[in-house]
Amino acid sequence: MIRCNGTVAFLFLLVLAYSAAQVMGVVSRAHTSNYHGLTRRVMEYVRSKRRDGPFTVVDVGGSANLWSAPLLEDGAVVDFMRPDQSAANPKAMPASAVFFKADFGTNEGWGAVLDRVAKVGKFNFSICSNTLEDIPMDPAVLLRRLAQISHEGVVSVPSHHLELSRQADTWMCFGRDLSVRPSRGFFHHRWIFYMKLGKLRGLPKLPLVEADEALDQALKGNLISSGHLMKCGAWARNPAALLNVWWSGELQAQVVSIVNSSSWGAVSLYRQGLLKNDVNAMLQDKERCWGLDVAAAERCCGPQERLKMYSCWEDNWTFERCC
């Protein structure tokens, strides 16, 4: 169950409006990956489950780039627009797939999906990829819905490292006005997500994120700061670009909106969450073993692990594959 436990000290500093997604249970596992690593892992998992029988998939928010289309036979897409209406990458759904129109930030439009679930049962698996961070209102609404319409799934969001970087947005590479300082992450994103104590947590991406230079500490010595893995959209190949949370029946998540807070209280909350969390600890631990330094990797993992290490960099979906 998602609980609203905040540190007592913070409660004295600010008033928090907690929107806790009431999804029964716990996170199965979480890891970082690049974009291709996520899609490959999902494809592998769904196809392996289908060897044992029917395994239905619903993609929630995937219309802009429906990479899951090969998995959607007898499945569905839930979004505010159809996949074939995408301006960037229009794709057709399989003929047997159903489209449901819904508003992710509110409860409007979910009736048809819930009716389908009431009649034939939940989908076996849900995909929610690069969607939560875009929701202008309350992403907790969508987090609640995922467990209501599916038995298990994966939630993928930009890692907080990517969202704090000033090198991610591709507009920097094409005709950028050099008088404009690059913003953190992607200018249209509304939320920053991270993992702490095994729980997916979301903070609103407020202007103070741009102003607080102390948050740059999250990028020091980190995979996301590797220059060649960040230039002009190369972030999609960075093994620390996405945070992927796999859940089964149970998902813990917490979305925090800050209202009427003191400025220092808000700054403290962001620093505690974005500088001290599960993903930072995981990356620091693994990077000591498999950085870009091949010699160091061989000393840690042994020469026989060299090819596996390179495979991780090119197509990473879990650190355990590396060292």
C-alpha atoms as a PDB file:
ATOM      1  CA  MET A   1       0.000   0.000   0.000  1.00  0.00           C
ATOM      2  CA  ILE A   2       1.252   3.476  -0.764  1.00  0.00           C
ATOM      3  CA  ARG A   3       1.636   5.430   2.435  1.00  0.00           C
ATOM      4  CA  CYS A   4       2.169   9.133   2.996  1.00  0.00           C
ATOM      5  CA  ASN A   5       5.087   8.989   5.340  1.00  0.00           C
ATOM      6  CA  GLY A   6       7.158  12.137   5.246  1.00  0.00           C
ATOM      7  CA  THR A   7      10.006  13.025   7.552  1.00  0.00           C
ATOM      8  CA  VAL A   8       8.735  14.814  10.674  1.00  0.00           C
ATOM      9  CA  ALA A   9      11.255  17.598  10.234  1.00  0.00           C
ATOM     10  CA  PHE A  10       9.889  18.381   6.801  1.00  0.00           C
ATOM     11  CA  LEU A  11       6.354  18.643   8.126  1.00  0.00           C
ATOM     12  CA  PHE A  12       7.429  21.531  10.327  1.00  0.00           C
ATOM     13  CA  LEU A  13       9.011  23.265   7.372  1.00  0.00           C
ATOM     14  CA  LEU A  14       6.309  22.951   4.770  1.00  0.00           C
ATOM     15  CA  VAL A  15       2.772  21.926   4.153  1.00  0.00           C
ATOM     16  CA  LEU A  16       2.619  18.983   1.798  1.00  0.00           C
ATOM     17  CA  ALA A  17      -0.381  17.854  -0.174  1.00  0.00           C
ATOM     18  CA  TYR A  18       0.202  14.140  -0.573  1.00  0.00           C
ATOM     19  CA  SER A  19      -1.532  12.444  -3.467  1.00  0.00           C
ATOM     20  CA  ALA A  20      -0.872   8.836  -2.603  1.00  0.00           C
ATOM     21  CA  ALA A  21      -1.722   6.324  -5.270  1.00  0.00           C
ATOM     22  CA  GLN A  22      -3.506   3.571  -3.376  1.00  0.00           C
ATOM     23  CA  VAL A  23      -2.063   0.603  -5.226  1.00  0.00           C
ATOM     24  CA  MET A  24      -1.894  -2.434  -3.003  1.00  0.00           C
ATOM     25  CA  GLY A  25       1.562  -3.853  -2.504  1.00  0.00           C
ATOM     26  CA  VAL A  26       5.240  -3.384  -3.148  1.00  0.00           C
ATOM     27  CA  VAL A  27       7.598  -2.771  -6.038  1.00  0.00           C
ATOM     28  CA  SER A  28       8.920  -5.982  -7.558  1.00  0.00           C
ATOM     29  CA  ARG A  29      12.193  -4.515  -8.819  1.00  0.00           C
ATOM     30  CA  ALA A  30      13.622  -1.345 -10.305  1.00  0.00           C
ATOM     31  CA  HIS A  31      16.578  -0.619 -12.557  1.00  0.00           C
ATOM     32  CA  THR A  32      17.916   1.972 -14.940  1.00  0.00           C
ATOM     33  CA  SER A  33      18.365   1.417 -18.671  1.00  0.00           C
ATOM     34  CA  ASN A  34      18.650   3.128 -22.003  1.00  0.00           C
ATOM     35  CA  TYR A  35      15.584   3.373 -24.231  1.00  0.00           C
ATOM     36  CA  HIS A  36      16.346   0.322 -26.341  1.00  0.00           C
ATOM     37  CA  GLY A  37      17.149  -1.687 -23.236  1.00  0.00           C
ATOM     38  CA  LEU A  38      13.652  -1.029 -21.912  1.00  0.00           C
ATOM     39  CA  THR A  39      11.861  -1.999 -25.124  1.00  0.00           C
ATOM     40  CA  ARG A  40      13.923  -5.139 -25.598  1.00  0.00           C
ATOM     41  CA  ARG A  41      13.367  -6.313 -22.030  1.00  0.00           C
ATOM     42  CA  VAL A  42       9.594  -5.798 -22.279  1.00  0.00           C
ATOM     43  CA  MET A  43       9.450  -7.634 -25.609  1.00  0.00           C
ATOM     44  CA  GLU A  44      11.424 -10.549 -24.178  1.00  0.00           C
ATOM     45  CA  TYR A  45       9.296 -10.765 -21.063  1.00  0.00           C
ATOM     46  CA  VAL A  46       5.904 -10.680 -22.782  1.00  0.00           C
ATOM     47  CA  ARG A  47       6.930 -13.213 -25.415  1.00  0.00           C
ATOM     48  CA  SER A  48       8.276 -15.552 -22.748  1.00  0.00           C
ATOM     49  CA  LYS A  49       4.956 -15.384 -20.869  1.00  0.00           C
ATOM     50  CA  ARG A  50       3.017 -16.141 -24.064  1.00  0.00           C
ATOM     51  CA  ARG A  51       4.771 -19.469 -24.398  1.00  0.00           C
ATOM     52  CA  ASP A  52       2.515 -20.600 -21.543  1.00  0.00           C
ATOM     53  CA  GLY A  53      -0.713 -19.205 -23.007  1.00  0.00           C
ATOM     54  CA  PRO A  54      -2.586 -15.939 -23.706  1.00  0.00           C
ATOM     55  CA  PHE A  55      -1.030 -12.867 -22.130  1.00  0.00           C
ATOM     56  CA  THR A  56      -2.790  -9.585 -22.887  1.00  0.00           C
ATOM     57  CA  VAL A  57      -1.039  -6.208 -22.873  1.00  0.00           C
ATOM     58  CA  VAL A  58      -2.361  -2.670 -22.502  1.00  0.00           C
ATOM     59  CA  ASP A  59      -0.169   0.323 -23.358  1.00  0.00           C
ATOM     60  CA  VAL A  60      -1.110   3.373 -21.301  1.00  0.00           C
ATOM     61  CA  GLY A  61       0.159   6.592 -22.850  1.00  0.00           C
ATOM     62  CA  GLY A  62       2.073   5.069 -25.751  1.00  0.00           C
ATOM     63  CA  SER A  63       0.322   6.666 -28.726  1.00  0.00           C
ATOM     64  CA  ALA A  64       3.118   9.141 -29.486  1.00  0.00           C
ATOM     65  CA  ASN A  65       5.530   6.266 -30.198  1.00  0.00           C
ATOM     66  CA  LEU A  66       3.788   2.899 -30.090  1.00  0.00           C
ATOM     67  CA  TRP A  67       6.845   0.638 -29.902  1.00  0.00           C
ATOM     68  CA  SER A  68       4.670  -1.929 -28.129  1.00  0.00           C
ATOM     69  CA  ALA A  69       2.474  -2.481 -31.235  1.00  0.00           C
ATOM     70  CA  PRO A  70       3.818  -6.037 -31.879  1.00  0.00           C
ATOM     71  CA  LEU A  71       2.626  -7.031 -28.386  1.00  0.00           C
ATOM     72  CA  LEU A  72      -0.901  -5.634 -28.586  1.00  0.00           C
ATOM     73  CA  GLU A  73      -2.790  -8.490 -30.271  1.00  0.00           C
ATOM     74  CA  ASP A  74      -6.079  -8.725 -28.313  1.00  0.00           C
ATOM     75  CA  GLY A  75      -4.757  -5.887 -26.159  1.00  0.00           C
ATOM     76  CA  ALA A  76      -5.447  -2.167 -25.932  1.00  0.00           C
ATOM     77  CA  VAL A  77      -4.079   1.357 -25.966  1.00  0.00           C
ATOM     78  CA  VAL A  78      -5.254   3.973 -23.465  1.00  0.00           C
ATOM     79  CA  ASP A  79      -4.407   7.574 -24.361  1.00  0.00           C
ATOM     80  CA  PHE A  80      -5.901  10.953 -25.250  1.00  0.00           C
ATOM     81  CA  MET A  81      -5.216  10.350 -28.964  1.00  0.00           C
ATOM     82  CA  ARG A  82      -5.004   7.352 -31.276  1.00  0.00           C
ATOM     83  CA  PRO A  83      -1.518   6.061 -32.231  1.00  0.00           C
ATOM     84  CA  ASP A  84      -2.162   6.730 -35.919  1.00  0.00           C
ATOM     85  CA  GLN A  85      -2.705  10.421 -35.060  1.00  0.00           C
ATOM     86  CA  SER A  86       0.793  10.882 -33.627  1.00  0.00           C
ATOM     87  CA  ALA A  87       2.585  13.774 -35.310  1.00  0.00           C
ATOM     88  CA  ALA A  88       6.049  12.376 -34.597  1.00  0.00           C
ATOM     89  CA  ASN A  89       5.680   8.656 -35.266  1.00  0.00           C
ATOM     90  CA  PRO A  90       2.192   7.508 -36.353  1.00  0.00           C
ATOM     91  CA  LYS A  91       1.619   3.769 -36.055  1.00  0.00           C
ATOM     92  CA  ALA A  92      -1.354   1.492 -36.514  1.00  0.00           C
ATOM     93  CA  MET A  93      -2.588  -0.788 -33.758  1.00  0.00           C
ATOM     94  CA  PRO A  94      -3.191  -4.468 -34.500  1.00  0.00           C
ATOM     95  CA  ALA A  95      -6.721  -5.069 -35.810  1.00  0.00           C
ATOM     96  CA  SER A  96      -7.627  -6.982 -32.645  1.00  0.00           C
ATOM     97  CA  ALA A  97      -6.491  -4.176 -30.303  1.00  0.00           C
ATOM     98  CA  VAL A  98      -8.940  -1.691 -28.782  1.00  0.00           C
ATOM     99  CA  PHE A  99      -8.411   2.027 -28.248  1.00  0.00           C
ATOM    100  CA  PHE A 100      -9.739   3.758 -25.115  1.00  0.00           C
ATOM    101  CA  LYS A 101      -9.650   7.537 -24.837  1.00  0.00           C
ATOM    102  CA  ALA A 102      -8.927   8.802 -21.321  1.00  0.00           C
ATOM    103  CA  ASP A 103      -7.576  11.822 -19.440  1.00  0.00           C
ATOM    104  CA  PHE A 104      -4.551  10.793 -17.390  1.00  0.00           C
ATOM    105  CA  GLY A 105      -4.644  13.705 -14.956  1.00  0.00           C
ATOM    106  CA  THR A 106      -8.290  13.237 -13.958  1.00  0.00           C
ATOM    107  CA  ASN A 107     -10.815  10.432 -13.630  1.00  0.00           C
ATOM    108  CA  GLU A 108     -12.575  11.410 -16.849  1.00  0.00           C
ATOM    109  CA  GLY A 109     -12.845   8.875 -19.642  1.00  0.00           C
ATOM    110  CA  TRP A 110     -11.838   5.773 -17.701  1.00  0.00           C
ATOM    111  CA  GLY A 111     -15.350   4.295 -17.636  1.00  0.00           C
ATOM    112  CA  ALA A 112     -14.966   2.290 -20.849  1.00  0.00           C
ATOM    113  CA  VAL A 113     -11.683   0.713 -19.735  1.00  0.00           C
ATOM    114  CA  LEU A 114     -13.057  -0.179 -16.313  1.00  0.00           C
ATOM    115  CA  ASP A 115     -16.203  -1.626 -17.907  1.00  0.00           C
ATOM    116  CA  ARG A 116     -14.034  -3.853 -20.078  1.00  0.00           C
ATOM    117  CA  VAL A 117     -12.109  -5.012 -17.004  1.00  0.00           C
ATOM    118  CA  ALA A 118     -15.344  -5.699 -15.125  1.00  0.00           C
ATOM    119  CA  LYS A 119     -16.622  -7.879 -17.983  1.00  0.00           C
ATOM    120  CA  VAL A 120     -13.556  -9.875 -19.036  1.00  0.00           C
ATOM    121  CA  GLY A 121     -11.017  -9.255 -16.291  1.00  0.00           C
ATOM    122  CA  LYS A 122      -7.787  -7.301 -16.035  1.00  0.00           C
ATOM    123  CA  PHE A 123      -5.115  -7.195 -18.707  1.00  0.00           C
ATOM    124  CA  ASN A 124      -2.174  -9.401 -17.841  1.00  0.00           C
ATOM    125  CA  PHE A 125       0.418  -6.664 -18.287  1.00  0.00           C
ATOM    126  CA  SER A 126       0.509  -2.881 -18.626  1.00  0.00           C
ATOM    127  CA  ILE A 127       3.167  -0.643 -20.147  1.00  0.00           C
ATOM    128  CA  CYS A 128       3.392   2.971 -19.029  1.00  0.00           C
ATOM    129  CA  SER A 129       6.495   4.408 -20.660  1.00  0.00           C
ATOM    130  CA  ASN A 130       7.600   8.059 -20.572  1.00  0.00           C
ATOM    131  CA  THR A 131       4.129   9.288 -19.688  1.00  0.00           C
ATOM    132  CA  LEU A 132       3.914  10.081 -15.964  1.00  0.00           C
ATOM    133  CA  GLU A 133       6.405  12.954 -16.184  1.00  0.00           C
ATOM    134  CA  ASP A 134       4.227  14.749 -18.769  1.00  0.00           C
ATOM    135  CA  ILE A 135       0.980  14.839 -16.800  1.00  0.00           C
ATOM    136  CA  PRO A 136       0.169  18.484 -15.912  1.00  0.00           C
ATOM    137  CA  MET A 137      -2.173  17.628 -13.035  1.00  0.00           C
ATOM    138  CA  ASP A 138      -1.860  14.612 -10.746  1.00  0.00           C
ATOM    139  CA  PRO A 139       0.015  11.485 -11.951  1.00  0.00           C
ATOM    140  CA  ALA A 140      -1.279   9.599  -8.903  1.00  0.00           C
ATOM    141  CA  VAL A 141      -4.568   9.196 -10.781  1.00  0.00           C
ATOM    142  CA  LEU A 142      -2.819   7.189 -13.478  1.00  0.00           C
ATOM    143  CA  LEU A 143      -0.768   5.206 -10.954  1.00  0.00           C
ATOM    144  CA  ARG A 144      -3.995   4.083  -9.281  1.00  0.00           C
ATOM    145  CA  ARG A 145      -5.506   3.050 -12.598  1.00  0.00           C
ATOM    146  CA  LEU A 146      -2.603   0.819 -13.616  1.00  0.00           C
ATOM    147  CA  ALA A 147      -3.293  -1.710 -10.857  1.00  0.00           C
ATOM    148  CA  GLN A 148      -7.030  -1.461 -11.468  1.00  0.00           C
ATOM    149  CA  ILE A 149      -6.728  -2.540 -15.102  1.00  0.00           C
ATOM    150  CA  SER A 150      -3.721  -4.916 -15.077  1.00  0.00           C
ATOM    151  CA  HIS A 151      -2.187  -7.645 -12.940  1.00  0.00           C
ATOM    152  CA  GLU A 152       1.403  -6.514 -13.443  1.00  0.00           C
ATOM    153  CA  GLY A 153       3.430  -4.122 -15.535  1.00  0.00           C
ATOM    154  CA  VAL A 154       6.321  -1.754 -15.986  1.00  0.00           C
ATOM    155  CA  VAL A 155       6.420   1.981 -15.332  1.00  0.00           C
ATOM    156  CA  SER A 156       9.259   3.831 -17.062  1.00  0.00           C
ATOM    157  CA  VAL A 157      10.165   7.477 -16.468  1.00  0.00           C
ATOM    158  CA  PRO A 158      13.250   9.605 -17.142  1.00  0.00           C
ATOM    159  CA  SER A 159      15.697   9.056 -14.308  1.00  0.00           C
ATOM    160  CA  HIS A 160      16.182  12.018 -11.997  1.00  0.00           C
ATOM    161  CA  HIS A 161      19.757  12.177 -13.306  1.00  0.00           C
ATOM    162  CA  LEU A 162      18.495  12.775 -16.830  1.00  0.00           C
ATOM    163  CA  GLU A 163      15.913  15.278 -15.607  1.00  0.00           C
ATOM    164  CA  LEU A 164      18.571  17.253 -13.709  1.00  0.00           C
ATOM    165  CA  SER A 165      21.038  17.285 -16.603  1.00  0.00           C
ATOM    166  CA  ARG A 166      21.304  20.402 -18.750  1.00  0.00           C
ATOM    167  CA  GLN A 167      22.342  18.394 -21.799  1.00  0.00           C
ATOM    168  CA  ALA A 168      19.279  16.253 -22.469  1.00  0.00           C
ATOM    169  CA  ASP A 169      16.908  18.333 -24.570  1.00  0.00           C
ATOM    170  CA  THR A 170      17.551  18.071 -28.310  1.00  0.00           C
ATOM    171  CA  TRP A 171      16.607  21.711 -28.907  1.00  0.00           C
ATOM    172  CA  MET A 172      20.123  22.518 -27.688  1.00  0.00           C
ATOM    173  CA  CYS A 173      21.531  20.978 -30.859  1.00  0.00           C
ATOM    174  CA  PHE A 174      19.440  22.598 -33.553  1.00  0.00           C
ATOM    175  CA  GLY A 175      19.395  26.365 -33.935  1.00  0.00           C
ATOM    176  CA  ARG A 176      19.465  27.109 -30.229  1.00  0.00           C
ATOM    177  CA  ASP A 177      19.514  30.731 -29.100  1.00  0.00           C
ATOM    178  CA  LEU A 178      22.894  30.852 -27.330  1.00  0.00           C
ATOM    179  CA  SER A 179      21.642  33.580 -25.004  1.00  0.00           C
ATOM    180  CA  VAL A 180      19.269  31.055 -23.382  1.00  0.00           C
ATOM    181  CA  ARG A 181      20.773  28.890 -20.676  1.00  0.00           C
ATOM    182  CA  PRO A 182      19.918  25.199 -21.193  1.00  0.00           C
ATOM    183  CA  SER A 183      17.173  24.072 -18.849  1.00  0.00           C
ATOM    184  CA  ARG A 184      17.303  20.948 -16.730  1.00  0.00           C
ATOM    185  CA  GLY A 185      15.999  17.857 -18.456  1.00  0.00           C
ATOM    186  CA  PHE A 186      13.115  18.352 -20.870  1.00  0.00           C
ATOM    187  CA  PHE A 187      11.311  21.670 -20.797  1.00  0.00           C
ATOM    188  CA  HIS A 188       7.819  20.157 -21.091  1.00  0.00           C
ATOM    189  CA  HIS A 189       8.160  17.672 -18.233  1.00  0.00           C
ATOM    190  CA  ARG A 190       6.155  18.438 -15.103  1.00  0.00           C
ATOM    191  CA  TRP A 191       7.486  15.839 -12.644  1.00  0.00           C
ATOM    192  CA  ILE A 192      10.776  14.303 -11.504  1.00  0.00           C
ATOM    193  CA  PHE A 193      10.713  10.707 -10.267  1.00  0.00           C
ATOM    194  CA  TYR A 194      13.196   8.781  -8.146  1.00  0.00           C
ATOM    195  CA  MET A 195      13.314   5.675  -5.937  1.00  0.00           C
ATOM    196  CA  LYS A 196      13.728   5.838  -2.181  1.00  0.00           C
ATOM    197  CA  LEU A 197      13.311   2.985   0.294  1.00  0.00           C
ATOM    198  CA  GLY A 198      11.885   0.839  -2.486  1.00  0.00           C
ATOM    199  CA  LYS A 199       9.142   3.314  -3.380  1.00  0.00           C
ATOM    200  CA  LEU A 200       8.679   5.278  -6.600  1.00  0.00           C
ATOM    201  CA  ARG A 201       8.368   8.943  -5.629  1.00  0.00           C
ATOM    202  CA  GLY A 202       7.444  11.977  -7.714  1.00  0.00           C
ATOM    203  CA  LEU A 203       8.180  15.654  -7.102  1.00  0.00           C
ATOM    204  CA  PRO A 204       6.718  18.521  -9.148  1.00  0.00           C
ATOM    205  CA  LYS A 205       9.326  20.088 -11.402  1.00  0.00           C
ATOM    206  CA  LEU A 206       9.141  23.595  -9.929  1.00  0.00           C
ATOM    207  CA  PRO A 207      11.350  26.575 -10.917  1.00  0.00           C
ATOM    208  CA  LEU A 208      13.551  26.067  -7.860  1.00  0.00           C
ATOM    209  CA  VAL A 209      14.905  22.920  -9.554  1.00  0.00           C
ATOM    210  CA  GLU A 210      16.465  25.241 -12.142  1.00  0.00           C
ATOM    211  CA  ALA A 211      17.807  27.599  -9.497  1.00  0.00           C
ATOM    212  CA  ASP A 212      19.342  25.186  -6.971  1.00  0.00           C
ATOM    213  CA  GLU A 213      22.893  24.470  -8.118  1.00  0.00           C
ATOM    214  CA  ALA A 214      23.368  22.009  -5.261  1.00  0.00           C
ATOM    215  CA  LEU A 215      21.331  19.516  -7.278  1.00  0.00           C
ATOM    216  CA  ASP A 216      24.244  19.320  -9.720  1.00  0.00           C
ATOM    217  CA  GLN A 217      25.887  17.036  -7.148  1.00  0.00           C
ATOM    218  CA  ALA A 218      23.611  14.237  -8.352  1.00  0.00           C
ATOM    219  CA  LEU A 219      25.413  14.332 -11.711  1.00  0.00           C
ATOM    220  CA  LYS A 220      29.017  14.258 -10.537  1.00  0.00           C
ATOM    221  CA  GLY A 221      30.826  11.086 -11.488  1.00  0.00           C
ATOM    222  CA  ASN A 222      27.602   9.679 -12.856  1.00  0.00           C
ATOM    223  CA  LEU A 223      26.890   7.808 -16.077  1.00  0.00           C
ATOM    224  CA  ILE A 224      24.514  10.551 -17.142  1.00  0.00           C
ATOM    225  CA  SER A 225      27.364  13.078 -17.190  1.00  0.00           C
ATOM    226  CA  SER A 226      29.403  11.096 -19.712  1.00  0.00           C
ATOM    227  CA  GLY A 227      29.722  13.616 -22.550  1.00  0.00           C
ATOM    228  CA  HIS A 228      29.432  11.316 -25.565  1.00  0.00           C
ATOM    229  CA  LEU A 229      26.374   9.646 -24.043  1.00  0.00           C
ATOM    230  CA  MET A 230      24.499  12.925 -23.683  1.00  0.00           C
ATOM    231  CA  LYS A 231      25.162  15.031 -26.779  1.00  0.00           C
ATOM    232  CA  CYS A 232      22.269  15.924 -29.081  1.00  0.00           C
ATOM    233  CA  GLY A 233      19.804  13.252 -28.106  1.00  0.00           C
ATOM    234  CA  ALA A 234      22.398  10.539 -27.406  1.00  0.00           C
ATOM    235  CA  TRP A 235      20.820  10.325 -23.924  1.00  0.00           C
ATOM    236  CA  ALA A 236      18.544   7.602 -25.323  1.00  0.00           C
ATOM    237  CA  ARG A 237      21.607   5.293 -25.384  1.00  0.00           C
ATOM    238  CA  ASN A 238      22.700   6.164 -21.840  1.00  0.00           C
ATOM    239  CA  PRO A 239      22.287   3.239 -19.402  1.00  0.00           C
ATOM    240  CA  ALA A 240      21.163   5.658 -16.658  1.00  0.00           C
ATOM    241  CA  ALA A 241      18.602   7.556 -18.756  1.00  0.00           C
ATOM    242  CA  LEU A 242      15.427   5.738 -17.705  1.00  0.00           C
ATOM    243  CA  LEU A 243      14.157   4.494 -14.352  1.00  0.00           C
ATOM    244  CA  ASN A 244      12.058   1.366 -14.854  1.00  0.00           C
ATOM    245  CA  VAL A 245       9.855  -0.054 -12.101  1.00  0.00           C
ATOM    246  CA  TRP A 246       8.458  -3.561 -12.585  1.00  0.00           C
ATOM    247  CA  TRP A 247       5.521  -4.486 -10.396  1.00  0.00           C
ATOM    248  CA  SER A 248       3.246  -7.490 -10.008  1.00  0.00           C
ATOM    249  CA  GLY A 249      -0.111  -6.932  -8.381  1.00  0.00           C
ATOM    250  CA  GLU A 250       1.476  -4.470  -6.041  1.00  0.00           C
ATOM    251  CA  LEU A 251       3.089  -1.087  -6.582  1.00  0.00           C
ATOM    252  CA  GLN A 252       4.262   1.532  -4.123  1.00  0.00           C
ATOM    253  CA  ALA A 253       4.340   5.108  -5.346  1.00  0.00           C
ATOM    254  CA  GLN A 254       4.028   8.515  -3.795  1.00  0.00           C
ATOM    255  CA  VAL A 255       3.372  11.809  -5.555  1.00  0.00           C
ATOM    256  CA  VAL A 256       4.019  14.994  -3.590  1.00  0.00           C
ATOM    257  CA  SER A 257       2.638  18.428  -4.368  1.00  0.00           C
ATOM    258  CA  ILE A 258       4.132  21.318  -2.426  1.00  0.00           C
ATOM    259  CA  VAL A 259       1.727  24.036  -1.284  1.00  0.00           C
ATOM    260  CA  ASN A 260       2.240  27.018   1.047  1.00  0.00           C
ATOM    261  CA  SER A 261       5.749  25.852   1.870  1.00  0.00           C
ATOM    262  CA  SER A 262       8.699  27.852   3.061  1.00  0.00           C
ATOM    263  CA  SER A 263      11.388  28.170   0.420  1.00  0.00           C
ATOM    264  CA  TRP A 264      13.964  26.400   2.582  1.00  0.00           C
ATOM    265  CA  GLY A 265      11.544  23.589   3.362  1.00  0.00           C
ATOM    266  CA  ALA A 266      11.004  22.976  -0.337  1.00  0.00           C
ATOM    267  CA  VAL A 267      14.738  23.122  -1.099  1.00  0.00           C
ATOM    268  CA  SER A 268      15.418  20.614   1.689  1.00  0.00           C
ATOM    269  CA  LEU A 269      12.810  18.225   0.346  1.00  0.00           C
ATOM    270  CA  TYR A 270      14.275  18.276  -3.162  1.00  0.00           C
ATOM    271  CA  ARG A 271      17.830  17.825  -1.926  1.00  0.00           C
ATOM    272  CA  GLN A 272      16.912  14.941   0.360  1.00  0.00           C
ATOM    273  CA  GLY A 273      15.040  13.166  -2.409  1.00  0.00           C
ATOM    274  CA  LEU A 274      17.239  13.810  -5.436  1.00  0.00           C
ATOM    275  CA  LEU A 275      20.674  13.584  -3.810  1.00  0.00           C
ATOM    276  CA  LYS A 276      20.116  10.683  -1.407  1.00  0.00           C
ATOM    277  CA  ASN A 277      18.124   7.824  -2.893  1.00  0.00           C
ATOM    278  CA  ASP A 278      18.222   4.201  -4.022  1.00  0.00           C
ATOM    279  CA  VAL A 279      19.273   4.905  -7.620  1.00  0.00           C
ATOM    280  CA  ASN A 280      22.212   7.108  -6.628  1.00  0.00           C
ATOM    281  CA  ALA A 281      23.508   4.394  -4.324  1.00  0.00           C
ATOM    282  CA  MET A 282      23.096   1.707  -6.990  1.00  0.00           C
ATOM    283  CA  LEU A 283      24.885   3.693  -9.681  1.00  0.00           C
ATOM    284  CA  GLN A 284      27.785   4.661  -7.432  1.00  0.00           C
ATOM    285  CA  ASP A 285      28.257   1.049  -6.379  1.00  0.00           C
ATOM    286  CA  LYS A 286      28.184  -0.383  -9.884  1.00  0.00           C
ATOM    287  CA  GLU A 287      30.208   2.354 -11.553  1.00  0.00           C
ATOM    288  CA  ARG A 288      33.173   1.432  -9.392  1.00  0.00           C
ATOM    289  CA  CYS A 289      33.127  -1.861 -11.253  1.00  0.00           C
ATOM    290  CA  TRP A 290      32.004  -1.118 -14.794  1.00  0.00           C
ATOM    291  CA  GLY A 291      32.758   2.350 -15.942  1.00  0.00           C
ATOM    292  CA  LEU A 292      34.071   3.110 -19.409  1.00  0.00           C
ATOM    293  CA  ASP A 293      37.535   2.066 -18.227  1.00  0.00           C
ATOM    294  CA  VAL A 294      38.033  -1.406 -19.727  1.00  0.00           C
ATOM    295  CA  ALA A 295      41.127  -2.116 -17.636  1.00  0.00           C
ATOM    296  CA  ALA A 296      39.282  -1.273 -14.427  1.00  0.00           C
ATOM    297  CA  ALA A 297      36.370  -3.462 -15.480  1.00  0.00           C
ATOM    298  CA  GLU A 298      38.690  -6.394 -16.120  1.00  0.00           C
ATOM    299  CA  ARG A 299      40.281  -5.969 -12.702  1.00  0.00           C
ATOM    300  CA  CYS A 300      36.832  -6.036 -11.113  1.00  0.00           C
ATOM    301  CA  CYS A 301      34.969  -8.519 -13.278  1.00  0.00           C
ATOM    302  CA  GLY A 302      37.717 -10.473 -15.011  1.00  0.00           C
ATOM    303  CA  PRO A 303      38.661 -10.538 -18.736  1.00  0.00           C
ATOM    304  CA  GLN A 304      35.842 -12.969 -19.532  1.00  0.00           C
ATOM    305  CA  GLU A 305      33.311 -10.318 -18.572  1.00  0.00           C
ATOM    306  CA  ARG A 306      34.567  -7.694 -21.030  1.00  0.00           C
ATOM    307  CA  LEU A 307      32.089  -8.486 -23.813  1.00  0.00           C
ATOM    308  CA  LYS A 308      29.243  -8.625 -21.325  1.00  0.00           C
ATOM    309  CA  MET A 309      30.229  -5.180 -20.062  1.00  0.00           C
ATOM    310  CA  TYR A 310      30.151  -3.727 -23.573  1.00  0.00           C
ATOM    311  CA  SER A 311      26.779  -5.352 -24.155  1.00  0.00           C
ATOM    312  CA  CYS A 312      25.513  -3.605 -21.058  1.00  0.00           C
ATOM    313  CA  TRP A 313      26.575  -0.230 -22.329  1.00  0.00           C
ATOM    314  CA  GLU A 314      24.924  -0.742 -25.684  1.00  0.00           C
ATOM    315  CA  ASP A 315      21.776  -2.472 -24.492  1.00  0.00           C
ATOM    316  CA  ASN A 316      21.494  -2.317 -20.725  1.00  0.00           C
ATOM    317  CA  TRP A 317      18.399  -3.378 -18.829  1.00  0.00           C
ATOM    318  CA  THR A 318      19.775  -4.529 -15.509  1.00  0.00           C
ATOM    319  CA  PHE A 319      23.057  -3.914 -13.749  1.00  0.00           C
ATOM    320  CA  GLU A 320      23.224  -7.543 -12.698  1.00  0.00           C
ATOM    321  CA  ARG A 321      24.082  -8.450 -16.316  1.00  0.00           C
ATOM    322  CA  CYS A 322      27.267  -6.445 -16.105  1.00  0.00           C
ATOM    323  CA  CYS A 323      29.431  -7.331 -13.133  1.00  0.00           C
END
